[in-house]
C-alpha cells in the first residue's frame, strides 16, 4: 500500500478544523479539491476516514487515528529536512582524515579545532597513516608524502601543499653545529641515528640523496620516529637527518643544520575524494590546512634563526642554523620529490 504524503497533510487539516471548507481555506485549496484528496486517500487506505454528520462531515475513529500517526510522520519529515539542510551546509555527518605523523603534530590539531567550532555536528575520524588498519576504508581526505604507498590518487583530487628540505640534527658541541650549511657527503663518517622504522618514502628520499652523494649512511641506532631520534642526538649518540616539518621543538643541546649538495627534499600533498570535494566542511578544511602550511614555512633566504625567533617558532625552536625555504644549493643536484 502506498500512502500519499500530501493527502495525509490534507487529512490532518480536515481533522484539525473539523470541516472541509475550513481546511480548504487554511490550505488555499477549493472545497472540491479537498474532497477529492480525501476520497483518494480513503481509496489508498481502504478506510473510511470521514463521514457525514448532518450538513457537515466529521472524522471517523480511523480518520483520527491515521491523522495522529501522520503527525508523527510529519515531525520526522521535518527532522529529515533539517538534517538534509545541515548536510548541505556541512554541519553534520562524518569525515575521515588520514595524515602522517609530523603533519599530525603540526597541522592537524589547529585545523581540527577550528572545524569543530565551525561544524559542531561533524564527526571527524582521524587516522594516523602509520597505524591505519588494513581493512580500513579509503579516507575522505589524506595528507601524504609524495611517493608513499598510501597515496593512491585514483578517484581523488590532488593538491600539492609543500616541498621541504631535510636538515641534519647534530649535537651542539659538534664541529658541524656552527656551520651555516653542510655538504651531505660530510655526514658520511658520522654515526647516524635512524628515525623511520617503517622504511617509508621519507627515509627512501634521504637514502637516495646519500646515494647521489656517493655513500650509504652507517646507522648505529634504529628508532621509530623523529622525536626519539632527536633525543638520542641530544645525548650525543650521533646525528639524524629529518625533514623540516619533523623538527618540532629541538632540545637545547642540538642544532639543525641545512644540507646541500644535494639537499634531500620531500613533497607533501593532500588528496580529496571526488565525492566529498565540494562538501563545505572539506572546502573549509583545505582552506585551514593551506593557512597552517603557510604559517610553518619560513620565508626564503632568512638569516640564521635562534630559539624564539622567526615566523614559525614551533619548527625553529632549540637552535637552527641558517634555515630558510631554500638554502644556497646547487638546485641542479637537489633531490626533489
C-alpha atoms as a PDB file:
ATOM      1  CA  UNK A   1       0.000   0.000   0.000  1.00  0.00           C
ATOM      2  CA  UNK A   2       1.290   3.444  -0.947  1.00  0.00           C
ATOM      3  CA  UNK A   3       0.056   6.429   1.041  1.00  0.00           C
ATOM      4  CA  UNK A   4       0.440   9.885  -0.469  1.00  0.00           C
ATOM      5  CA  UNK A   5       2.125  12.226   1.998  1.00  0.00           C
ATOM      6  CA  UNK A   6       0.357  15.277   0.635  1.00  0.00           C
ATOM      7  CA  UNK A   7      -3.063  13.648   1.121  1.00  0.00           C
ATOM      8  CA  UNK A   8      -2.138  12.843   4.706  1.00  0.00           C
ATOM      9  CA  UNK A   9      -1.416  16.523   5.197  1.00  0.00           C
ATOM     10  CA  UNK A  10      -4.904  17.339   3.827  1.00  0.00           C
ATOM     11  CA  UNK A  11      -6.496  14.818   6.208  1.00  0.00           C
ATOM     12  CA  UNK A  12      -4.727  16.400   9.181  1.00  0.00           C
ATOM     13  CA  UNK A  13      -6.071  19.815   8.150  1.00  0.00           C
ATOM     14  CA  UNK A  14      -9.631  18.460   7.876  1.00  0.00           C
ATOM     15  CA  UNK A  15      -9.410  16.733  11.267  1.00  0.00           C
ATOM     16  CA  UNK A  16      -7.880  19.811  12.903  1.00  0.00           C
ATOM     17  CA  UNK A  17     -10.508  22.221  11.519  1.00  0.00           C
ATOM     18  CA  UNK A  18     -13.498  19.864  11.591  1.00  0.00           C
ATOM     19  CA  UNK A  19     -14.685  20.894   8.152  1.00  0.00           C
ATOM     20  CA  UNK A  20     -13.711  20.599   4.522  1.00  0.00           C
ATOM     21  CA  UNK A  21     -14.412  24.292   3.885  1.00  0.00           C
ATOM     22  CA  UNK A  22     -12.172  25.374   6.765  1.00  0.00           C
ATOM     23  CA  UNK A  23      -9.361  23.048   5.661  1.00  0.00           C
ATOM     24  CA  UNK A  24      -9.688  24.414   2.111  1.00  0.00           C
ATOM     25  CA  UNK A  25      -9.319  27.976   3.392  1.00  0.00           C
ATOM     26  CA  UNK A  26      -6.289  27.102   5.521  1.00  0.00           C
ATOM     27  CA  UNK A  27      -4.502  25.228   2.731  1.00  0.00           C
ATOM     28  CA  UNK A  28      -5.503  27.580  -0.092  1.00  0.00           C
ATOM     29  CA  UNK A  29      -7.494  24.951  -1.966  1.00  0.00           C
ATOM     30  CA  UNK A  30     -11.100  24.779  -3.137  1.00  0.00           C
ATOM     31  CA  UNK A  31     -13.503  22.598  -1.083  1.00  0.00           C
ATOM     32  CA  UNK A  32     -13.892  20.376  -4.142  1.00  0.00           C
ATOM     33  CA  UNK A  33     -10.120  19.740  -4.261  1.00  0.00           C
ATOM     34  CA  UNK A  34     -10.069  18.855  -0.545  1.00  0.00           C
ATOM     35  CA  UNK A  35     -12.934  16.394  -1.068  1.00  0.00           C
ATOM     36  CA  UNK A  36     -11.094  14.774  -3.970  1.00  0.00           C
ATOM     37  CA  UNK A  37      -7.906  14.332  -1.869  1.00  0.00           C
ATOM     38  CA  UNK A  38      -9.845  12.753   0.992  1.00  0.00           C
ATOM     39  CA  UNK A  39     -11.670  10.400  -1.390  1.00  0.00           C
ATOM     40  CA  UNK A  40      -8.358   9.349  -2.958  1.00  0.00           C
ATOM     41  CA  UNK A  41      -6.787   8.759   0.483  1.00  0.00           C
ATOM     42  CA  UNK A  42      -9.718   6.618   1.534  1.00  0.00           C
ATOM     43  CA  UNK A  43      -9.237   4.554  -1.602  1.00  0.00           C
ATOM     44  CA  UNK A  44      -5.482   4.204  -0.910  1.00  0.00           C
ATOM     45  CA  UNK A  45      -6.005   3.083   2.685  1.00  0.00           C
ATOM     46  CA  UNK A  46      -9.224   1.139   2.227  1.00  0.00           C
ATOM     47  CA  UNK A  47     -10.622   3.012   5.244  1.00  0.00           C
ATOM     48  CA  UNK A  48     -13.493   5.392   5.835  1.00  0.00           C
ATOM     49  CA  UNK A  49     -11.710   8.415   7.187  1.00  0.00           C
ATOM     50  CA  UNK A  50     -14.589  10.943   7.319  1.00  0.00           C
ATOM     51  CA  UNK A  51     -18.342  10.624   7.475  1.00  0.00           C
ATOM     52  CA  UNK A  52     -21.299  12.942   7.118  1.00  0.00           C
ATOM     53  CA  UNK A  53     -22.842  14.393  10.251  1.00  0.00           C
ATOM     54  CA  UNK A  54     -25.904  16.361   9.177  1.00  0.00           C
ATOM     55  CA  UNK A  55     -24.820  19.040   6.703  1.00  0.00           C
ATOM     56  CA  UNK A  56     -21.137  18.747   7.641  1.00  0.00           C
ATOM     57  CA  UNK A  57     -18.562  15.962   7.985  1.00  0.00           C
ATOM     58  CA  UNK A  58     -16.641  14.580  10.912  1.00  0.00           C
ATOM     59  CA  UNK A  59     -13.601  12.306  11.071  1.00  0.00           C
ATOM     60  CA  UNK A  60     -14.139   8.688  11.934  1.00  0.00           C
ATOM     61  CA  UNK A  61     -12.139   6.876  14.608  1.00  0.00           C
ATOM     62  CA  UNK A  62      -9.961   5.521  11.815  1.00  0.00           C
ATOM     63  CA  UNK A  63      -9.556   9.043  10.409  1.00  0.00           C
ATOM     64  CA  UNK A  64      -8.450  10.446  13.782  1.00  0.00           C
ATOM     65  CA  UNK A  65      -6.040   7.555  14.298  1.00  0.00           C
ATOM     66  CA  UNK A  66      -4.475   7.973  10.869  1.00  0.00           C
ATOM     67  CA  UNK A  67      -4.195  11.745  11.385  1.00  0.00           C
ATOM     68  CA  UNK A  68      -2.486  11.250  14.765  1.00  0.00           C
ATOM     69  CA  UNK A  69       0.095   8.887  13.288  1.00  0.00           C
ATOM     70  CA  UNK A  70       0.541  11.238  10.345  1.00  0.00           C
ATOM     71  CA  UNK A  71       1.520  13.990  12.805  1.00  0.00           C
ATOM     72  CA  UNK A  72       4.485  11.889  13.942  1.00  0.00           C
ATOM     73  CA  UNK A  73       5.391  11.211  10.309  1.00  0.00           C
ATOM     74  CA  UNK A  74       5.492  14.941   9.577  1.00  0.00           C
ATOM     75  CA  UNK A  75       7.618  15.566  12.660  1.00  0.00           C
ATOM     76  CA  UNK A  76      10.159  13.050  11.367  1.00  0.00           C
ATOM     77  CA  UNK A  77       9.993  14.571   7.899  1.00  0.00           C
ATOM     78  CA  UNK A  78      10.749  17.971   9.409  1.00  0.00           C
ATOM     79  CA  UNK A  79      13.747  16.444  11.206  1.00  0.00           C
ATOM     80  CA  UNK A  80      14.878  14.866   7.929  1.00  0.00           C
ATOM     81  CA  UNK A  81      14.610  18.184   6.112  1.00  0.00           C
ATOM     82  CA  UNK A  82      16.702  19.782   8.846  1.00  0.00           C
ATOM     83  CA  UNK A  83      19.349  17.043   8.556  1.00  0.00           C
ATOM     84  CA  UNK A  84      19.441  17.425   4.770  1.00  0.00           C
ATOM     85  CA  UNK A  85      19.902  21.161   5.168  1.00  0.00           C
ATOM     86  CA  UNK A  86      22.709  20.611   7.678  1.00  0.00           C
ATOM     87  CA  UNK A  87      24.368  18.061   5.416  1.00  0.00           C
ATOM     88  CA  UNK A  88      24.312  20.513   2.532  1.00  0.00           C
ATOM     89  CA  UNK A  89      25.932  23.090   4.791  1.00  0.00           C
ATOM     90  CA  UNK A  90      28.439  20.564   6.155  1.00  0.00           C
ATOM     91  CA  UNK A  91      27.195  20.921   9.730  1.00  0.00           C
ATOM     92  CA  UNK A  92      26.612  17.202  10.363  1.00  0.00           C
ATOM     93  CA  UNK A  93      27.884  13.887   9.083  1.00  0.00           C
ATOM     94  CA  UNK A  94      31.265  12.204   9.248  1.00  0.00           C
ATOM     95  CA  UNK A  95      34.575  12.923   7.594  1.00  0.00           C
ATOM     96  CA  UNK A  96      37.662  10.681   7.661  1.00  0.00           C
ATOM     97  CA  UNK A  97      41.059  12.379   7.560  1.00  0.00           C
ATOM     98  CA  UNK A  98      44.348  10.478   7.281  1.00  0.00           C
ATOM     99  CA  UNK A  99      47.748  12.034   7.893  1.00  0.00           C
ATOM    100  CA  UNK A 100      51.349  11.102   8.614  1.00  0.00           C
ATOM    101  CA  UNK A 101      52.937  11.716  11.994  1.00  0.00           C
ATOM    102  CA  UNK A 102      54.794  15.005  11.532  1.00  0.00           C
ATOM    103  CA  UNK A 103      51.843  16.581   9.707  1.00  0.00           C
ATOM    104  CA  UNK A 104      49.615  15.394  12.536  1.00  0.00           C
ATOM    105  CA  UNK A 105      51.818  17.017  15.147  1.00  0.00           C
ATOM    106  CA  UNK A 106      51.961  20.432  13.474  1.00  0.00           C
ATOM    107  CA  UNK A 107      48.876  20.927  11.264  1.00  0.00           C
ATOM    108  CA  UNK A 108      46.081  18.602  12.376  1.00  0.00           C
ATOM    109  CA  UNK A 109      45.346  19.941  15.914  1.00  0.00           C
ATOM    110  CA  UNK A 110      44.639  23.581  14.917  1.00  0.00           C
ATOM    111  CA  UNK A 111      42.759  22.545  11.764  1.00  0.00           C
ATOM    112  CA  UNK A 112      40.537  20.094  13.669  1.00  0.00           C
ATOM    113  CA  UNK A 113      39.940  22.595  16.470  1.00  0.00           C
ATOM    114  CA  UNK A 114      38.713  25.206  14.004  1.00  0.00           C
ATOM    115  CA  UNK A 115      36.489  22.699  12.177  1.00  0.00           C
ATOM    116  CA  UNK A 116      34.968  21.526  15.457  1.00  0.00           C
ATOM    117  CA  UNK A 117      33.995  25.108  16.297  1.00  0.00           C
ATOM    118  CA  UNK A 118      32.572  25.872  12.858  1.00  0.00           C
ATOM    119  CA  UNK A 119      30.880  22.481  12.242  1.00  0.00           C
ATOM    120  CA  UNK A 120      29.881  21.252  15.719  1.00  0.00           C
ATOM    121  CA  UNK A 121      27.748  18.361  14.410  1.00  0.00           C
ATOM    122  CA  UNK A 122      30.513  16.986  12.186  1.00  0.00           C
ATOM    123  CA  UNK A 123      32.240  13.799  13.381  1.00  0.00           C
ATOM    124  CA  UNK A 124      35.888  13.580  12.359  1.00  0.00           C
ATOM    125  CA  UNK A 125      37.541  10.167  12.025  1.00  0.00           C
ATOM    126  CA  UNK A 126      41.255  10.912  12.375  1.00  0.00           C
ATOM    127  CA  UNK A 127      43.664   8.252  11.131  1.00  0.00           C
ATOM    128  CA  UNK A 128      47.433   8.157  11.541  1.00  0.00           C
ATOM    129  CA  UNK A 129      48.659   6.603   8.280  1.00  0.00           C
ATOM    130  CA  UNK A 130      51.346   4.597  10.035  1.00  0.00           C
ATOM    131  CA  UNK A 131      48.693   2.859  12.184  1.00  0.00           C
ATOM    132  CA  UNK A 132      45.768   2.515   9.755  1.00  0.00           C
ATOM    133  CA  UNK A 133      44.252  -0.988   9.745  1.00  0.00           C
ATOM    134  CA  UNK A 134      44.457  -2.985   6.535  1.00  0.00           C
ATOM    135  CA  UNK A 135      40.653  -3.257   6.400  1.00  0.00           C
ATOM    136  CA  UNK A 136      40.056   0.469   6.843  1.00  0.00           C
ATOM    137  CA  UNK A 137      38.154   2.073   4.009  1.00  0.00           C
ATOM    138  CA  UNK A 138      39.629   4.841   1.856  1.00  0.00           C
ATOM    139  CA  UNK A 139      39.834   8.217   3.613  1.00  0.00           C
ATOM    140  CA  UNK A 140      37.832  11.226   2.525  1.00  0.00           C
ATOM    141  CA  UNK A 141      40.933  13.397   2.902  1.00  0.00           C
ATOM    142  CA  UNK A 142      44.556  12.349   3.225  1.00  0.00           C
ATOM    143  CA  UNK A 143      47.728  14.344   3.769  1.00  0.00           C
ATOM    144  CA  UNK A 144      50.554  12.244   2.383  1.00  0.00           C
ATOM    145  CA  UNK A 145      54.174  12.267   1.321  1.00  0.00           C
ATOM    146  CA  UNK A 146      54.574  12.069  -2.446  1.00  0.00           C
ATOM    147  CA  UNK A 147      55.580   8.558  -3.397  1.00  0.00           C
ATOM    148  CA  UNK A 148      54.125   6.945  -0.266  1.00  0.00           C
ATOM    149  CA  UNK A 149      52.209   3.690  -0.777  1.00  0.00           C
ATOM    150  CA  UNK A 150      49.080   5.086   0.883  1.00  0.00           C
ATOM    151  CA  UNK A 151      48.830   7.941  -1.606  1.00  0.00           C
ATOM    152  CA  UNK A 152      46.601   6.274  -4.232  1.00  0.00           C
ATOM    153  CA  UNK A 153      45.143   9.150  -6.231  1.00  0.00           C
ATOM    154  CA  UNK A 154      42.509   7.256  -8.258  1.00  0.00           C
ATOM    155  CA  UNK A 155      39.124   8.863  -7.600  1.00  0.00           C
ATOM    156  CA  UNK A 156      40.763  11.748  -5.761  1.00  0.00           C
ATOM    157  CA  UNK A 157      41.581  15.355  -6.443  1.00  0.00           C
ATOM    158  CA  UNK A 158      45.203  16.067  -5.508  1.00  0.00           C
ATOM    159  CA  UNK A 159      46.717  19.364  -4.407  1.00  0.00           C
ATOM    160  CA  UNK A 160      50.412  19.929  -3.680  1.00  0.00           C
ATOM    161  CA  UNK A 161      50.986  21.538  -0.290  1.00  0.00           C
ATOM    162  CA  UNK A 162      54.707  21.850   0.255  1.00  0.00           C
ATOM    163  CA  UNK A 163      58.168  20.756  -0.808  1.00  0.00           C
ATOM    164  CA  UNK A 164      60.537  20.918   2.129  1.00  0.00           C
ATOM    165  CA  UNK A 165      64.232  20.200   2.741  1.00  0.00           C
ATOM    166  CA  UNK A 166      65.779  17.769   5.185  1.00  0.00           C
ATOM    167  CA  UNK A 167      68.163  19.068   7.836  1.00  0.00           C
ATOM    168  CA  UNK A 168      70.932  17.431   9.847  1.00  0.00           C
ATOM    169  CA  UNK A 169      70.229  17.453  13.580  1.00  0.00           C
ATOM    170  CA  UNK A 170      73.613  17.408  15.336  1.00  0.00           C
ATOM    171  CA  UNK A 171      74.817  17.825  18.942  1.00  0.00           C
ATOM    172  CA  UNK A 172      75.516  21.436  19.856  1.00  0.00           C
ATOM    173  CA  UNK A 173      79.112  20.538  20.696  1.00  0.00           C
ATOM    174  CA  UNK A 174      79.650  19.028  17.231  1.00  0.00           C
ATOM    175  CA  UNK A 175      82.073  20.678  14.820  1.00  0.00           C
ATOM    176  CA  UNK A 176      79.122  20.930  12.426  1.00  0.00           C
ATOM    177  CA  UNK A 177      76.896  22.876  14.814  1.00  0.00           C
ATOM    178  CA  UNK A 178      78.217  26.334  13.893  1.00  0.00           C
ATOM    179  CA  UNK A 179      78.097  25.740  10.159  1.00  0.00           C
ATOM    180  CA  UNK A 180      75.613  27.727   8.043  1.00  0.00           C
ATOM    181  CA  UNK A 181      75.208  24.599   5.921  1.00  0.00           C
ATOM    182  CA  UNK A 182      76.877  21.253   5.415  1.00  0.00           C
ATOM    183  CA  UNK A 183      77.526  19.190   2.301  1.00  0.00           C
ATOM    184  CA  UNK A 184      75.711  15.878   2.566  1.00  0.00           C
ATOM    185  CA  UNK A 185      78.931  13.952   1.915  1.00  0.00           C
ATOM    186  CA  UNK A 186      80.421  15.490   5.083  1.00  0.00           C
ATOM    187  CA  UNK A 187      77.965  13.387   7.095  1.00  0.00           C
ATOM    188  CA  UNK A 188      79.331  10.164   5.628  1.00  0.00           C
ATOM    189  CA  UNK A 189      81.570   9.272   8.568  1.00  0.00           C
ATOM    190  CA  UNK A 190      79.148  10.374  11.293  1.00  0.00           C
ATOM    191  CA  UNK A 191      77.278   7.912  13.486  1.00  0.00           C
ATOM    192  CA  UNK A 192      73.705   8.036  12.137  1.00  0.00           C
ATOM    193  CA  UNK A 193      70.536   7.567  14.153  1.00  0.00           C
ATOM    194  CA  UNK A 194      67.799   6.041  12.003  1.00  0.00           C
ATOM    195  CA  UNK A 195      64.353   7.591  12.502  1.00  0.00           C
ATOM    196  CA  UNK A 196      61.910   5.642  10.310  1.00  0.00           C
ATOM    197  CA  UNK A 197      61.384   2.017  11.268  1.00  0.00           C
ATOM    198  CA  UNK A 198      58.593   1.803   8.658  1.00  0.00           C
ATOM    199  CA  UNK A 199      61.177   2.209   5.889  1.00  0.00           C
ATOM    200  CA  UNK A 200      58.795   4.593   4.160  1.00  0.00           C
ATOM    201  CA  UNK A 201      59.032   7.147   1.383  1.00  0.00           C
ATOM    202  CA  UNK A 202      60.604   9.798   3.639  1.00  0.00           C
ATOM    203  CA  UNK A 203      63.505   7.541   4.541  1.00  0.00           C
ATOM    204  CA  UNK A 204      63.978   6.424   0.936  1.00  0.00           C
ATOM    205  CA  UNK A 205      64.247  10.021  -0.277  1.00  0.00           C
ATOM    206  CA  UNK A 206      67.040  10.612   2.205  1.00  0.00           C
ATOM    207  CA  UNK A 207      68.822   7.391   1.196  1.00  0.00           C
ATOM    208  CA  UNK A 208      68.528   8.331  -2.483  1.00  0.00           C
ATOM    209  CA  UNK A 209      70.191  11.667  -1.750  1.00  0.00           C
ATOM    210  CA  UNK A 210      73.006   9.892   0.085  1.00  0.00           C
ATOM    211  CA  UNK A 211      73.479   7.583  -2.911  1.00  0.00           C
ATOM    212  CA  UNK A 212      73.743  10.668  -5.109  1.00  0.00           C
ATOM    213  CA  UNK A 213      76.487  11.916  -2.774  1.00  0.00           C
ATOM    214  CA  UNK A 214      78.297   8.565  -3.096  1.00  0.00           C
ATOM    215  CA  UNK A 215      77.712   6.828   0.240  1.00  0.00           C
ATOM    216  CA  UNK A 216      75.243   4.884   2.375  1.00  0.00           C
ATOM    217  CA  UNK A 217      74.638   6.042   5.963  1.00  0.00           C
ATOM    218  CA  UNK A 218      76.042   3.927   8.783  1.00  0.00           C
ATOM    219  CA  UNK A 219      73.116   3.582  11.173  1.00  0.00           C
ATOM    220  CA  UNK A 220      74.348   2.886  14.695  1.00  0.00           C
ATOM    221  CA  UNK A 221      70.931   3.243  16.354  1.00  0.00           C
ATOM    222  CA  UNK A 222      67.487   2.494  14.968  1.00  0.00           C
ATOM    223  CA  UNK A 223      64.436   4.369  16.269  1.00  0.00           C
ATOM    224  CA  UNK A 224      60.820   4.514  15.144  1.00  0.00           C
ATOM    225  CA  UNK A 225      60.179   8.246  14.963  1.00  0.00           C
ATOM    226  CA  UNK A 226      61.737  11.686  14.724  1.00  0.00           C
ATOM    227  CA  UNK A 227      61.329  12.796  18.383  1.00  0.00           C
ATOM    228  CA  UNK A 228      63.094   9.668  19.679  1.00  0.00           C
ATOM    229  CA  UNK A 229      65.911  10.021  17.170  1.00  0.00           C
ATOM    230  CA  UNK A 230      66.399  13.665  18.179  1.00  0.00           C
ATOM    231  CA  UNK A 231      66.653  12.645  21.848  1.00  0.00           C
ATOM    232  CA  UNK A 232      69.467  10.261  21.002  1.00  0.00           C
ATOM    233  CA  UNK A 233      71.235  13.121  19.224  1.00  0.00           C
ATOM    234  CA  UNK A 234      70.710  15.289  22.315  1.00  0.00           C
ATOM    235  CA  UNK A 235      72.531  12.611  24.318  1.00  0.00           C
ATOM    236  CA  UNK A 236      75.488  12.793  21.941  1.00  0.00           C
ATOM    237  CA  UNK A 237      74.828   9.420  20.303  1.00  0.00           C
ATOM    238  CA  UNK A 238      75.175  10.647  16.718  1.00  0.00           C
ATOM    239  CA  UNK A 239      73.324  12.699  14.097  1.00  0.00           C
ATOM    240  CA  UNK A 240      69.989  12.260  12.368  1.00  0.00           C
ATOM    241  CA  UNK A 241      68.578  13.718   9.146  1.00  0.00           C
ATOM    242  CA  UNK A 242      64.960  14.862   9.329  1.00  0.00           C
ATOM    243  CA  UNK A 243      62.506  16.803   7.138  1.00  0.00           C
ATOM    244  CA  UNK A 244      61.973  20.342   8.394  1.00  0.00           C
ATOM    245  CA  UNK A 245      58.385  19.677   9.478  1.00  0.00           C
ATOM    246  CA  UNK A 246      59.573  16.871  11.743  1.00  0.00           C
ATOM    247  CA  UNK A 247      61.964  19.008  13.789  1.00  0.00           C
ATOM    248  CA  UNK A 248      59.404  20.072  16.373  1.00  0.00           C
ATOM    249  CA  UNK A 249      60.945  21.877  19.349  1.00  0.00           C
ATOM    250  CA  UNK A 250      64.599  20.888  19.397  1.00  0.00           C
ATOM    251  CA  UNK A 251      66.424  20.280  22.710  1.00  0.00           C
ATOM    252  CA  UNK A 252      68.878  22.996  23.686  1.00  0.00           C
ATOM    253  CA  UNK A 253      71.732  20.548  23.207  1.00  0.00           C
ATOM    254  CA  UNK A 254      71.011  20.102  19.493  1.00  0.00           C
ATOM    255  CA  UNK A 255      71.186  22.200  16.340  1.00  0.00           C
ATOM    256  CA  UNK A 256      69.580  21.670  12.924  1.00  0.00           C
ATOM    257  CA  UNK A 257      71.896  22.468  10.028  1.00  0.00           C
ATOM    258  CA  UNK A 258      70.773  22.831   6.372  1.00  0.00           C
ATOM    259  CA  UNK A 259      72.150  20.207   3.992  1.00  0.00           C
ATOM    260  CA  UNK A 260      73.423  20.978   0.473  1.00  0.00           C
ATOM    261  CA  UNK A 261      74.999  19.198  -2.490  1.00  0.00           C
ATOM    262  CA  UNK A 262      72.441  17.674  -2.696  1.00  0.00           C
ATOM    263  CA  UNK A 263      69.586  18.834  -0.492  1.00  0.00           C
ATOM    264  CA  UNK A 264      67.220  15.936   0.203  1.00  0.00           C
ATOM    265  CA  UNK A 265      63.605  17.073  -0.180  1.00  0.00           C
ATOM    266  CA  UNK A 266      60.154  15.604   0.220  1.00  0.00           C
ATOM    267  CA  UNK A 267      56.903  16.706  -1.354  1.00  0.00           C
ATOM    268  CA  UNK A 268      53.708  16.787   0.694  1.00  0.00           C
ATOM    269  CA  UNK A 269      50.276  16.740  -0.923  1.00  0.00           C
ATOM    270  CA  UNK A 270      46.644  16.383   0.066  1.00  0.00           C
ATOM    271  CA  UNK A 271      44.130  14.208  -1.773  1.00  0.00           C
ATOM    272  CA  UNK A 272      40.367  14.630  -1.506  1.00  0.00           C
ATOM    273  CA  UNK A 273      37.792  12.034  -2.522  1.00  0.00           C
ATOM    274  CA  UNK A 274      35.829  13.286  -5.537  1.00  0.00           C
ATOM    275  CA  UNK A 275      32.513  12.507  -3.830  1.00  0.00           C
ATOM    276  CA  UNK A 276      33.170  14.943  -0.950  1.00  0.00           C
ATOM    277  CA  UNK A 277      35.331  17.547  -2.679  1.00  0.00           C
ATOM    278  CA  UNK A 278      32.562  20.168  -2.679  1.00  0.00           C
ATOM    279  CA  UNK A 279      31.379  19.451   0.872  1.00  0.00           C
ATOM    280  CA  UNK A 280      31.506  22.745   2.831  1.00  0.00           C
ATOM    281  CA  UNK A 281      33.491  21.176   5.678  1.00  0.00           C
ATOM    282  CA  UNK A 282      36.053  19.748   3.237  1.00  0.00           C
ATOM    283  CA  UNK A 283      36.398  23.082   1.456  1.00  0.00           C
ATOM    284  CA  UNK A 284      36.949  24.754   4.830  1.00  0.00           C
ATOM    285  CA  UNK A 285      39.409  22.059   5.929  1.00  0.00           C
ATOM    286  CA  UNK A 286      41.550  22.705   2.853  1.00  0.00           C
ATOM    287  CA  UNK A 287      41.452  26.455   3.486  1.00  0.00           C
ATOM    288  CA  UNK A 288      42.578  25.956   7.094  1.00  0.00           C
ATOM    289  CA  UNK A 289      45.234  23.433   6.085  1.00  0.00           C
ATOM    290  CA  UNK A 290      46.720  25.761   3.497  1.00  0.00           C
ATOM    291  CA  UNK A 291      46.795  28.590   6.036  1.00  0.00           C
ATOM    292  CA  UNK A 292      48.689  26.484   8.581  1.00  0.00           C
ATOM    293  CA  UNK A 293      51.051  25.123   5.938  1.00  0.00           C
ATOM    294  CA  UNK A 294      51.956  28.713   5.076  1.00  0.00           C
ATOM    295  CA  UNK A 295      52.493  29.515   8.746  1.00  0.00           C
ATOM    296  CA  UNK A 296      55.080  26.749   9.076  1.00  0.00           C
ATOM    297  CA  UNK A 297      57.123  27.720   6.013  1.00  0.00           C
ATOM    298  CA  UNK A 298      59.970  30.147   6.773  1.00  0.00           C
ATOM    299  CA  UNK A 299      60.391  32.971   4.251  1.00  0.00           C
ATOM    300  CA  UNK A 300      63.136  32.431   1.654  1.00  0.00           C
ATOM    301  CA  UNK A 301      66.744  33.325   2.438  1.00  0.00           C
ATOM    302  CA  UNK A 302      66.210  34.206   6.101  1.00  0.00           C
ATOM    303  CA  UNK A 303      69.298  34.635   8.282  1.00  0.00           C
ATOM    304  CA  UNK A 304      70.143  32.057  10.917  1.00  0.00           C
ATOM    305  CA  UNK A 305      67.253  31.533  13.341  1.00  0.00           C
ATOM    306  CA  UNK A 306      67.592  31.083  17.065  1.00  0.00           C
ATOM    307  CA  UNK A 307      65.160  29.942  19.697  1.00  0.00           C
ATOM    308  CA  UNK A 308      62.013  32.078  19.774  1.00  0.00           C
ATOM    309  CA  UNK A 309      62.843  33.880  16.532  1.00  0.00           C
ATOM    310  CA  UNK A 310      61.435  33.598  13.061  1.00  0.00           C
ATOM    311  CA  UNK A 311      57.989  33.115  11.568  1.00  0.00           C
ATOM    312  CA  UNK A 312      57.493  29.537  12.727  1.00  0.00           C
ATOM    313  CA  UNK A 313      58.648  29.108  16.340  1.00  0.00           C
ATOM    314  CA  UNK A 314      57.233  25.586  16.554  1.00  0.00           C
ATOM    315  CA  UNK A 315      59.666  24.491  13.879  1.00  0.00           C
ATOM    316  CA  UNK A 316      62.653  26.686  14.608  1.00  0.00           C
ATOM    317  CA  UNK A 317      62.996  26.445  18.382  1.00  0.00           C
ATOM    318  CA  UNK A 318      66.038  24.866  20.000  1.00  0.00           C
ATOM    319  CA  UNK A 319      68.665  26.086  17.558  1.00  0.00           C
ATOM    320  CA  UNK A 320      68.535  26.012  13.789  1.00  0.00           C
ATOM    321  CA  UNK A 321      71.489  27.182  11.769  1.00  0.00           C
ATOM    322  CA  UNK A 322      70.671  29.092   8.585  1.00  0.00           C
ATOM    323  CA  UNK A 323      67.214  27.631   7.969  1.00  0.00           C
ATOM    324  CA  UNK A 324      65.266  29.121   5.062  1.00  0.00           C
ATOM    325  CA  UNK A 325      62.852  27.976   2.394  1.00  0.00           C
ATOM    326  CA  UNK A 326      65.775  27.231   0.070  1.00  0.00           C
ATOM    327  CA  UNK A 327      69.353  27.112   1.351  1.00  0.00           C
ATOM    328  CA  UNK A 328      72.057  28.185  -1.027  1.00  0.00           C
ATOM    329  CA  UNK A 329      72.266  24.958  -3.013  1.00  0.00           C
ATOM    330  CA  UNK A 330      73.070  23.814  -6.479  1.00  0.00           C
ATOM    331  CA  UNK A 331      69.459  23.094  -7.475  1.00  0.00           C
ATOM    332  CA  UNK A 332      70.541  21.010 -10.424  1.00  0.00           C
ATOM    333  CA  UNK A 333      71.753  18.448  -7.882  1.00  0.00           C
ATOM    334  CA  UNK A 334      68.918  18.713  -5.381  1.00  0.00           C
ATOM    335  CA  UNK A 335      66.755  15.652  -4.866  1.00  0.00           C
ATOM    336  CA  UNK A 336      63.124  16.700  -5.330  1.00  0.00           C
ATOM    337  CA  UNK A 337      60.121  14.548  -4.594  1.00  0.00           C
END
